[in-house]
Amino acid sequence: MDPSTARMFRLNPQSGTPIYRQLMDQVRWLVASGRLAPGDELPSVRELAVLHAVNAMTISKAYSLLEAEGILARQRGKLMTVAADAGEGESKGSRLERLGDLIAPLATAAKQLELKTDDVLDAVREALEKKDG
């Protein structure tokens, strides 16, 4: 495993979001963005717990839930890896629900900045097109 992999996670105990959820969200995004590919190893539970000074059971919970979602795969005696079919089979509704967690702060920021809906949608469309191109 690449030693920098453990440091790619940013866990903030003061954020108000449970640590296990922060880790799960970050793994999902890293897989979705391609920064973690199928077969890539994740840091051990112990390594992440020590590095971020959190309870090992918290890391283990996140990994287990991600395994249940089909994003991670466990092989006895080895590090947890990104599943070969990570993210496949997740319903569109489930994916949109996760996106909703990001849309709410965007909508709040747009309102605070007094931006029109069409302007925000154009900005989102432009950002998506940059990702596709």
Protein backbone atom coordinates (compact mmCIF):
# COMPACT_ATOMS: atom_id res chain seq x y z
CA MET A 1 0.00 0.00 0.00
CA ASP A 2 1.13 3.50 -0.79
CA PRO A 3 1.99 5.20 2.55
CA SER A 4 0.27 8.41 1.45
CA THR A 5 -3.07 6.59 1.20
CA ALA A 6 -3.60 6.83 4.96
CA ARG A 7 -3.02 10.58 4.82
CA MET A 8 -5.59 11.18 2.07
CA PHE A 9 -8.34 11.00 4.68
CA ARG A 10 -9.25 14.11 6.68
CA LEU A 11 -11.18 13.30 9.83
CA ASN A 12 -12.42 16.18 11.96
CA PRO A 13 -13.89 15.29 15.38
CA GLN A 14 -15.32 18.83 15.72
CA SER A 15 -17.26 18.80 12.45
CA GLY A 16 -20.55 17.55 13.88
CA THR A 17 -20.56 14.64 11.44
CA PRO A 18 -19.66 11.31 13.03
CA ILE A 19 -16.12 10.16 12.22
CA TYR A 20 -17.31 6.90 10.66
CA ARG A 21 -19.59 8.89 8.31
CA GLN A 22 -16.76 11.25 7.37
CA LEU A 23 -14.59 8.27 6.46
CA MET A 24 -17.37 6.56 4.52
CA ASP A 25 -18.15 9.72 2.54
CA GLN A 26 -14.49 10.25 1.73
CA VAL A 27 -13.99 6.66 0.56
CA ARG A 28 -17.09 6.92 -1.63
CA TRP A 29 -15.82 10.15 -3.21
CA LEU A 30 -12.32 8.80 -3.74
CA VAL A 31 -13.75 5.73 -5.48
CA ALA A 32 -16.19 7.81 -7.55
CA SER A 33 -13.42 10.19 -8.61
CA GLY A 34 -11.08 7.36 -9.57
CA ARG A 35 -8.44 8.27 -6.99
CA LEU A 36 -9.12 4.85 -5.47
CA ALA A 37 -9.53 2.14 -8.08
CA PRO A 38 -10.77 -1.45 -7.79
CA GLY A 39 -8.13 -3.54 -6.04
CA ASP A 40 -6.48 -0.58 -4.29
CA GLU A 41 -5.69 -1.31 -0.65
CA LEU A 42 -6.95 0.91 2.13
CA PRO A 43 -4.96 1.62 5.27
CA SER A 44 -5.41 -0.85 8.10
CA VAL A 45 -7.95 -0.08 10.80
CA ARG A 46 -5.17 0.28 13.31
CA GLU A 47 -3.07 2.56 11.08
CA LEU A 48 -5.95 4.98 10.49
CA ALA A 49 -7.02 4.91 14.13
CA VAL A 50 -3.52 5.76 15.33
CA LEU A 51 -2.90 8.40 12.65
CA HIS A 52 -6.16 10.23 13.37
CA ALA A 53 -6.31 9.46 17.11
CA VAL A 54 -9.73 7.82 16.92
CA ASN A 55 -11.11 4.57 18.25
CA ALA A 56 -10.29 1.60 16.01
CA MET A 57 -13.91 0.44 16.28
CA THR A 58 -14.98 3.66 14.55
CA ILE A 59 -12.76 2.88 11.55
CA SER A 60 -13.87 -0.75 11.60
CA LYS A 61 -17.54 0.33 11.56
CA ALA A 62 -16.98 2.53 8.51
CA TYR A 63 -15.12 -0.23 6.67
CA SER A 64 -17.81 -2.80 7.52
CA LEU A 65 -20.62 -0.56 6.31
CA LEU A 66 -18.73 0.18 3.09
CA GLU A 67 -18.21 -3.55 2.64
CA ALA A 68 -21.96 -4.11 3.08
CA GLU A 69 -22.57 -1.46 0.37
CA GLY A 70 -20.25 -3.35 -1.98
CA ILE A 71 -17.67 -0.57 -2.13
CA LEU A 72 -14.97 -2.41 -0.19
CA ALA A 73 -13.96 -6.06 -0.14
CA ARG A 74 -12.41 -7.97 2.74
CA GLN A 75 -9.92 -10.78 2.29
CA ARG A 76 -8.95 -12.64 5.43
CA GLY A 77 -5.47 -11.70 6.58
CA LYS A 78 -5.10 -8.86 4.07
CA LEU A 79 -5.92 -5.18 3.95
CA MET A 80 -9.37 -4.03 2.92
CA THR A 81 -9.50 -3.25 -0.82
CA VAL A 82 -11.78 -1.36 -3.15
CA ALA A 83 -14.23 -3.90 -4.55
CA ALA A 84 -13.94 -4.89 -8.19
CA ASP A 85 -17.45 -3.64 -8.87
CA ALA A 86 -17.44 -0.73 -6.42
CA GLY A 87 -20.39 1.55 -6.95
CA GLU A 88 -22.01 -0.63 -9.57
CA GLY A 89 -25.57 -1.61 -8.89
CA GLU A 90 -26.27 1.33 -6.61
CA SER A 91 -29.71 2.64 -7.47
CA LYS A 92 -30.12 6.02 -9.08
CA GLY A 93 -32.27 7.10 -6.16
CA SER A 94 -29.50 6.21 -3.71
CA ARG A 95 -26.93 8.11 -5.75
CA LEU A 96 -29.21 11.14 -5.96
CA GLU A 97 -29.79 10.99 -2.21
CA ARG A 98 -26.03 11.19 -1.63
CA LEU A 99 -25.84 14.09 -4.05
CA GLY A 100 -28.60 15.80 -2.10
CA ASP A 101 -26.24 16.09 0.86
CA LEU A 102 -24.09 18.36 -1.32
CA ILE A 103 -26.90 20.22 -3.03
CA ALA A 104 -28.38 21.59 0.21
CA PRO A 105 -25.26 23.63 1.11
CA LEU A 106 -24.99 24.78 -2.51
CA ALA A 107 -28.58 26.01 -2.43
CA THR A 108 -27.95 27.83 0.86
CA ALA A 109 -24.80 29.48 -0.51
CA ALA A 110 -26.61 30.51 -3.71
CA LYS A 111 -29.39 32.11 -1.67
CA GLN A 112 -26.88 33.94 0.53
CA LEU A 113 -25.08 35.20 -2.57
CA GLU A 114 -28.41 36.27 -4.06
CA LEU A 115 -27.85 34.24 -7.21
CA LYS A 116 -30.70 33.31 -9.53
CA THR A 117 -31.57 29.66 -10.04
CA ASP A 118 -30.66 29.77 -13.74
CA ASP A 119 -27.22 31.21 -12.94
CA VAL A 120 -26.54 28.46 -10.41
CA LEU A 121 -27.73 25.76 -12.80
CA ASP A 122 -25.52 27.19 -15.55
CA ALA A 123 -22.52 27.11 -13.20
CA VAL A 124 -23.25 23.49 -12.23
CA ARG A 125 -23.74 22.51 -15.88
CA GLU A 126 -20.44 24.16 -16.81
CA ALA A 127 -18.61 22.35 -13.99
CA LEU A 128 -20.07 19.00 -15.10
CA GLU A 129 -19.09 19.64 -18.72
CA LYS A 130 -15.51 20.37 -17.62
CA LYS A 131 -15.45 17.00 -15.82
CA ASP A 132 -16.77 15.21 -18.92
CA GLY A 133 -14.43 16.94 -21.34
